[in-house]
Amino acid sequence: MVFFKFILIFIFQIVFASSEKNNTEPVELYKLLETSKGWEIIDQIEGYKLFTKNIEDQNLNAVMVSYETSVSPLGIQEVLMDVENYESFLSSSSKMVTKQLKRDSSAVVGYQFIPINFPFINDRHYCFKLIKNEINIRDSKTLVKWFLLEEDTKLLDNESLSNGDIIYLKYGAGIWLMDSVDENRIKISYRLFMDPGGSIPNFLTEKINKISIINLFKDVIAEAERRTS
């Protein structure tokens, strides 16, 4: 019985390894998101600053939110990597389904299903890889970054595969950055670009992105505060 269980685990690891081998990190997109050049502030809400940035050869803008806080960056990083419990603390995304598919000491592979509550617009889903970075409080530093994985039937459940109306998202990435403000405070920013695929009007996509990124950011900070208080 133990031997049979070992074989199953071994097969499971091979499946994930083969499904990820053709997925490479979008280094150039990371660079565009990370650099400060080109970001334009468009709004400020309760201390949260919202920015957009034009991405060359793309019809949509990237979006960024930043906020100064005294919450430990390690606490924020822990929350971001806790994919398995996203549904318990991402209150602004209550209808979103998140599943952790694989985890090791520095990365998580996950799946998300996003219902779209607009007529004639299909739901979305995707697999992603979330990568943790070592933190150095003295430097501007990446906390966590993620990117979308190519569609692979090995990573999707039968329900997702049987529903041909769901659109799989293939291109997108995000990065959480930290800058030291003083001895007690840091500035956290989350920068995101995602091609929504299908026939969602650009103005609607950008509106959804701006609202969702602030709500997600608030949820993450609130959960980090709760865990470290």
Foldseek 3Di string as FASTA:
>chain_A
DVVVVVVVVVVLVVLVCVQCVPDDDPVVVVVVQPDPPAWDWDDADPQKTKTWGDDPPDPAIKIKIKHKDLFDLVLLLVLVQPQCCCCVQLVVQVVKDKDWSDDDDFKTKIKIWHQDPDPPAFTEIFIKMKGADDDDQADWDWGIKMWTGDDDPSRDDPVVVVDPRYHYWHGKMKTWIWHDPDPRMIMIMIMIDTDRDDDDDRVVVVVVVRVSVVSSVVSSVVSSVVVVD
